[in-house]
Protein backbone atom coordinates (compact mmCIF):
# COMPACT_ATOMS: atom_id res chain seq x y z
CA MET A 1 -2.58 -12.12 -9.77
CA LYS A 2 -4.40 -11.93 -6.61
CA VAL A 3 -2.66 -10.03 -3.87
CA ALA A 4 -3.15 -9.71 -0.18
CA LEU A 5 -2.23 -6.42 1.69
CA ILE A 6 -1.95 -6.74 5.50
CA GLN A 7 -1.83 -3.93 8.20
CA CYS A 8 -0.48 -5.36 11.70
CA PRO A 9 -0.88 -3.81 15.14
CA SER A 10 -0.13 -1.36 16.11
CA TRP A 11 -0.98 1.54 13.84
CA SER A 12 -3.96 4.24 13.90
CA GLU A 13 -7.20 3.06 15.13
CA THR A 14 -8.99 6.11 13.72
CA ALA A 15 -8.88 5.75 10.07
CA PRO A 16 -7.80 2.95 7.28
CA PRO A 17 -4.19 2.82 6.63
CA TYR A 18 -3.31 4.99 3.90
CA ALA A 19 -0.19 2.78 2.62
CA LEU A 20 -2.84 0.15 1.74
CA GLY A 21 -5.27 2.25 0.32
CA LEU A 22 -2.62 3.91 -2.03
CA LEU A 23 -0.97 0.76 -3.12
CA ALA A 24 -4.38 -1.20 -3.65
CA ALA A 25 -5.23 1.45 -5.89
CA CYS A 26 -1.99 0.98 -7.86
CA LEU A 27 -2.47 -2.56 -8.29
CA ARG A 28 -5.92 -2.60 -8.97
CA GLN A 29 -5.57 -0.03 -11.70
CA ALA A 30 -2.93 -2.56 -13.18
CA GLY A 31 -5.53 -5.04 -13.20
CA HIS A 32 -4.76 -7.40 -10.05
CA GLU A 33 -7.09 -8.49 -7.72
CA VAL A 34 -6.66 -7.20 -4.08
CA TYR A 35 -7.86 -8.05 -0.56
CA CYS A 36 -6.98 -5.60 2.00
CA PHE A 37 -6.90 -6.95 5.88
CA ASP A 38 -6.64 -4.12 8.45
CA LEU A 39 -5.74 -6.70 11.34
CA ASN A 40 -4.78 -3.52 13.40
CA ILE A 41 -8.40 -2.30 13.65
CA ASN A 42 -9.78 -6.00 13.82
CA PHE A 43 -7.70 -6.85 16.86
CA TYR A 44 -8.30 -3.35 18.53
CA ASN A 45 -12.02 -3.69 18.29
CA TYR A 46 -11.72 -7.45 19.48
CA LEU A 47 -9.84 -6.43 22.52
CA LYS A 48 -12.15 -3.37 23.21
CA LYS A 49 -15.38 -5.80 23.13
CA SER A 50 -13.68 -7.86 25.96
CA ASN A 51 -12.72 -4.78 27.85
CA ALA A 52 -9.10 -5.31 27.42
CA GLU A 53 -8.19 -2.56 25.18
CA LEU A 54 -6.04 -1.28 28.17
CA SER A 55 -3.72 -3.85 27.01
CA TRP A 56 -3.05 -2.34 23.60
CA GLY A 57 0.20 -1.08 24.95
CA THR A 58 0.52 2.67 24.22
CA SER A 59 -0.83 4.12 27.56
CA GLY A 60 1.39 6.17 29.94
CA GLY A 61 3.68 7.54 27.28
CA SER A 62 5.39 4.17 26.85
CA ASN A 63 5.20 1.79 23.65
CA SER A 64 5.02 -2.00 24.33
CA TRP A 65 4.82 -2.96 20.74
CA PHE A 66 8.54 -2.44 20.73
CA GLU A 67 8.93 -5.35 23.30
CA ILE A 68 8.82 -8.92 21.76
CA ASP A 69 7.77 -10.49 25.06
CA TYR A 70 4.95 -8.41 25.16
CA VAL A 71 3.79 -8.73 21.57
CA HIS A 72 4.05 -12.34 21.38
CA LYS A 73 2.36 -12.98 24.75
CA LEU A 74 -0.67 -10.70 23.53
CA ILE A 75 -0.90 -13.00 20.47
CA GLU A 76 -0.51 -16.13 22.58
CA ASP A 77 -3.35 -14.79 24.81
CA ASN A 78 -5.67 -14.47 22.03
CA LYS A 79 -4.57 -17.31 19.76
CA THR A 80 -7.90 -18.53 18.65
CA TYR A 81 -8.82 -15.25 17.38
CA ILE A 82 -5.48 -14.46 15.70
CA GLU A 83 -5.52 -17.83 13.93
CA ARG A 84 -9.05 -16.98 12.82
CA LEU A 85 -7.65 -13.85 11.12
CA VAL A 86 -4.78 -15.97 9.58
CA CYS A 87 -7.34 -18.41 8.35
CA GLN A 88 -9.30 -15.39 6.75
CA ILE A 89 -6.16 -14.25 5.02
CA LEU A 90 -5.38 -17.80 3.41
CA ASP A 91 -9.09 -18.32 2.48
CA VAL A 92 -8.94 -15.69 -0.06
CA GLY A 93 -6.53 -17.72 -2.09
CA THR A 94 -3.74 -15.33 -2.86
CA GLN A 95 -0.35 -16.30 -4.23
CA VAL A 96 1.44 -13.10 -2.70
CA ILE A 97 0.79 -11.51 0.64
CA GLY A 98 2.22 -7.89 1.49
CA PHE A 99 2.61 -6.43 4.72
CA THR A 100 3.26 -2.74 5.38
CA VAL A 101 5.66 -2.62 8.33
CA GLN A 102 6.43 0.24 10.82
CA ASP A 103 8.60 0.01 13.85
CA THR A 104 5.53 -0.39 16.02
CA SER A 105 4.08 -3.11 13.84
CA ARG A 106 7.18 -5.11 13.22
CA ILE A 107 7.08 -7.78 15.73
CA PHE A 108 3.42 -8.61 15.25
CA SER A 109 3.75 -8.61 11.28
CA GLU A 110 6.72 -11.22 11.76
CA ARG A 111 4.69 -13.53 13.69
CA ILE A 112 1.62 -13.15 11.73
CA ALA A 113 3.95 -13.73 8.55
CA GLU A 114 5.60 -16.96 10.52
CA MET A 115 1.98 -18.24 11.10
CA ILE A 116 1.02 -17.97 7.47
CA LYS A 117 4.07 -19.79 6.23
CA GLU A 118 3.62 -22.59 8.90
CA LYS A 119 0.11 -23.08 7.20
CA ASP A 120 1.07 -22.98 3.54
CA LYS A 121 4.91 -22.66 2.67
CA GLU A 122 4.05 -21.81 -1.07
CA LYS A 123 2.97 -18.08 -0.14
CA ILE A 124 5.17 -15.52 -0.98
CA ILE A 125 5.45 -12.99 1.66
CA ILE A 126 6.87 -9.53 0.64
CA PHE A 127 7.60 -6.92 3.56
CA GLY A 128 7.60 -3.39 2.84
CA GLY A 129 7.08 0.05 4.43
CA PRO A 130 9.52 2.28 6.57
CA SER A 131 10.94 -0.44 8.55
CA CYS A 132 12.30 -2.04 5.37
CA PHE A 133 13.68 1.15 3.89
CA GLU A 134 17.77 0.98 3.81
CA ASN A 135 18.17 3.54 6.60
CA SER A 136 16.28 1.50 9.03
CA LEU A 137 17.40 -0.45 12.14
CA TYR A 138 16.04 -3.67 10.64
CA HIS A 139 16.38 -3.75 6.78
CA LEU A 140 18.09 -6.92 5.47
CA ASN A 141 17.80 -8.45 8.85
CA PHE A 142 14.20 -9.43 7.81
CA LEU A 143 15.63 -11.59 5.13
CA GLN A 144 17.30 -13.95 7.76
CA LYS A 145 13.91 -14.94 8.52
CA ALA A 146 12.67 -18.10 6.69
CA TYR A 147 9.18 -16.94 6.54
CA ILE A 148 9.85 -13.73 4.60
CA ASP A 149 10.62 -14.05 0.96
CA ALA A 150 11.54 -10.24 -0.18
CA ILE A 151 11.49 -6.92 1.16
CA CYS A 152 10.76 -3.59 -0.71
CA LEU A 153 13.76 -1.20 -0.18
CA GLN A 154 11.91 2.08 -0.69
CA GLU A 155 8.34 3.41 -1.81
CA GLY A 156 6.69 0.59 -3.38
CA GLU A 157 4.04 1.84 -5.85
CA ILE A 158 5.83 1.08 -9.00
CA ALA A 159 8.36 -1.41 -7.64
CA PHE A 160 5.89 -3.69 -6.51
CA LEU A 161 4.06 -3.62 -9.86
CA ASP A 162 7.39 -4.70 -11.32
CA LEU A 163 7.60 -7.60 -9.01
CA LEU A 164 4.57 -8.89 -9.84
CA ARG A 165 4.94 -8.75 -13.20
CA GLN A 166 8.14 -10.59 -13.03
CA LEU A 167 5.98 -13.36 -10.72
CA GLU A 168 3.71 -13.67 -13.53
CA GLU A 169 6.06 -14.24 -16.23
CA LYS A 170 8.54 -16.49 -14.26
CA ASN A 171 6.49 -17.85 -11.26
CA GLU A 172 9.44 -17.05 -8.79
CA LEU A 173 11.22 -14.26 -7.34
CA GLY A 174 14.30 -12.69 -9.35
CA PHE A 175 16.22 -9.75 -9.77
CA CYS A 176 13.93 -6.63 -9.37
CA GLN A 177 15.09 -3.12 -8.60
CA GLY A 178 13.92 -1.54 -5.41
CA PHE A 179 13.68 -5.09 -3.76
CA ALA A 180 16.12 -7.50 -1.85
CA TYR A 181 15.23 -11.13 -1.87
CA ARG A 182 16.41 -14.59 -0.95
CA ASP A 183 17.01 -16.98 -3.63
CA LYS A 184 16.67 -20.83 -3.60
CA SER A 185 20.00 -21.24 -2.32
CA GLY A 186 19.35 -18.91 0.58
CA GLU A 187 21.41 -16.08 -0.55
CA ILE A 188 20.21 -12.70 0.01
CA ILE A 189 20.25 -10.67 -3.23
CA HIS A 190 20.13 -6.76 -2.91
CA CYS A 191 18.51 -5.70 -6.43
CA GLY A 192 19.41 -1.74 -5.78
CA ARG A 193 17.35 1.40 -5.77
CA LYS A 194 14.83 2.19 -8.48
CA GLU A 195 14.29 5.79 -9.46
CA LEU A 196 11.94 7.69 -7.08
CA ILE A 197 8.40 8.44 -8.38
CA GLN A 198 8.80 12.21 -9.58
CA ASP A 199 5.39 13.18 -10.38
CA LEU A 200 2.94 12.10 -7.51
CA ASP A 201 0.06 13.46 -9.48
CA LYS A 202 0.25 10.24 -11.75
CA LEU A 203 -0.59 8.10 -8.98
CA PRO A 204 -4.01 7.16 -8.42
CA PHE A 205 -6.25 8.09 -5.59
CA ALA A 206 -6.01 5.84 -2.50
CA ASP A 207 -8.81 3.20 -2.61
CA PHE A 208 -10.46 2.38 0.57
CA SER A 209 -13.12 0.26 -0.97
CA GLY A 210 -11.55 -2.74 1.12
CA PHE A 211 -12.40 -1.09 4.27
CA SER A 212 -15.52 -0.70 6.54
CA HIS A 213 -15.61 3.03 7.82
CA ARG A 214 -17.84 1.72 10.77
CA GLU A 215 -14.88 -0.05 12.30
CA TYR A 216 -12.86 3.16 13.08
CA GLY A 217 -13.18 5.60 15.80
CA ARG A 218 -13.63 8.53 13.57
CA LYS A 219 -15.01 9.40 10.31
CA THR A 220 -11.63 10.35 8.91
CA LEU A 221 -9.70 9.49 6.12
CA PRO A 222 -5.90 9.81 5.25
CA ILE A 223 -4.58 11.91 2.63
CA SER A 224 -1.18 12.81 1.63
CA THR A 225 0.15 16.10 -0.34
CA SER A 226 3.85 15.41 -0.30
CA ARG A 227 6.47 12.91 0.18
CA GLY A 228 9.92 13.88 2.33
CA CYS A 229 11.18 17.20 3.92
CA ILE A 230 12.69 20.15 2.69
CA TYR A 231 15.28 20.27 5.72
CA ARG A 232 17.91 17.54 6.62
CA CYS A 233 17.80 17.70 10.29
CA ALA A 234 20.51 15.32 11.64
CA PHE A 235 17.98 13.86 14.06
CA CYS A 236 15.22 12.99 11.71
CA ASN A 237 14.99 10.15 9.38
CA GLU A 238 11.92 11.63 7.14
CA ALA A 239 14.64 13.05 4.45
CA PRO A 240 16.75 9.84 4.28
CA ILE A 241 13.55 7.54 4.00
CA TRP A 242 11.77 9.60 1.22
CA GLY A 243 14.66 11.15 -0.79
CA ARG A 244 14.11 14.56 -2.00
CA TYR A 245 11.15 16.38 -1.41
CA ARG A 246 8.19 15.88 -3.86
CA ASN A 247 4.53 17.27 -3.66
CA ARG A 248 1.41 16.88 -5.48
CA SER A 249 -0.40 19.90 -7.22
CA ALA A 250 -3.00 21.49 -5.25
CA LYS A 251 -5.75 20.78 -7.83
CA ASN A 252 -4.71 16.91 -7.66
CA ILE A 253 -5.09 17.03 -4.07
CA TYR A 254 -8.31 18.82 -3.88
CA ASN A 255 -9.83 16.63 -6.66
CA GLU A 256 -9.11 13.52 -4.14
CA ILE A 257 -10.79 15.16 -1.47
CA VAL A 258 -13.90 15.78 -3.90
CA TYR A 259 -13.46 12.02 -5.05
CA GLN A 260 -13.13 10.42 -1.67
CA LEU A 261 -16.33 12.45 -0.34
CA ARG A 262 -18.36 11.36 -3.41
CA ARG A 263 -17.41 7.73 -2.46
CA SER A 264 -17.93 7.89 1.31
CA PRO A 265 -20.37 10.92 1.96
CA GLU A 266 -20.17 10.04 5.63
CA ILE A 267 -16.62 11.11 6.03
CA GLU A 268 -16.17 14.28 8.19
CA ASN A 269 -12.42 15.08 8.19
CA PHE A 270 -9.06 14.24 6.43
CA PHE A 271 -5.81 13.56 8.37
CA PHE A 272 -2.67 14.49 6.30
CA ASN A 273 -0.13 12.08 6.34
CA ASP A 274 2.88 14.34 5.36
CA SER A 275 6.12 14.94 7.12
CA LEU A 276 5.22 18.64 6.71
CA ILE A 277 2.14 20.29 5.20
CA ASN A 278 3.83 23.52 4.68
CA GLY A 279 6.81 22.64 2.45
CA ASN A 280 5.35 24.33 -0.55
CA ILE A 281 3.47 27.51 0.84
CA GLY A 282 2.35 28.46 -2.59
CA ILE A 283 0.52 24.79 -3.25
CA LEU A 284 -0.99 25.11 0.47
CA ASN A 285 -2.38 28.50 -0.31
CA GLU A 286 -3.78 27.39 -3.44
CA LEU A 287 -5.27 24.04 -1.73
CA ALA A 288 -7.04 26.50 0.92
CA ASP A 289 -8.44 28.60 -1.81
CA LEU A 290 -9.72 25.72 -3.74
CA ILE A 291 -11.31 24.15 -0.73
């Protein structure tokens, strides 16, 4: 199946989005045809060329991406360019379009999804990422919007494959653990949680072949050594989001670093996306020794 994966503003401008790279690797390994669109870097570089990057909205310690009026005005002020990006997504002819959604990219993602549905109501739009997880502020509220068909309630590498398999077999959304969706009658169906991935070493290495490293501010790639946190601090949502703490082996992490450098020798450093890198001191020591 042909699938488009999208990262909307605002997110990092220094490296490709890790979530899209890892999800693309999982889908391609299963035989799906994947197209990645980092609208975040596209839009950032577009504004930068017109000397308007100051309107990016994250200066002075504030974050305007949480304000719906700010985001909608930014899109409207650059409507011609944004519509061009939407047309590029539609031109690849995918049936399923998935968005990775964080709190800072939520409003922009919603508007792009709405624009896609306005042009083609047959597209199946899936939201996933931290803003869709069950402990988020938004969660099932996404499905109140007619242009969002389903949301992934947790980590999506395995769950998304199950959903695509179901779509291939039945050509419609149905009950699939790890997701909530809106059925034909408009009822929201919560399908329950799927078992978390226990062995992270079994996941493929992130695939950044759909991204141009020249577009980013640094020669950097993201990587992750673990998920979750060993603590349960009341003020933090990392533990509830990811469930129990799980880590990759030092050898597996090292092998990915070698793999990525062979594919992209221009890369100068890696950014660790972990909640904490020292959750397992033994593995951290072993990784340092291997490097």
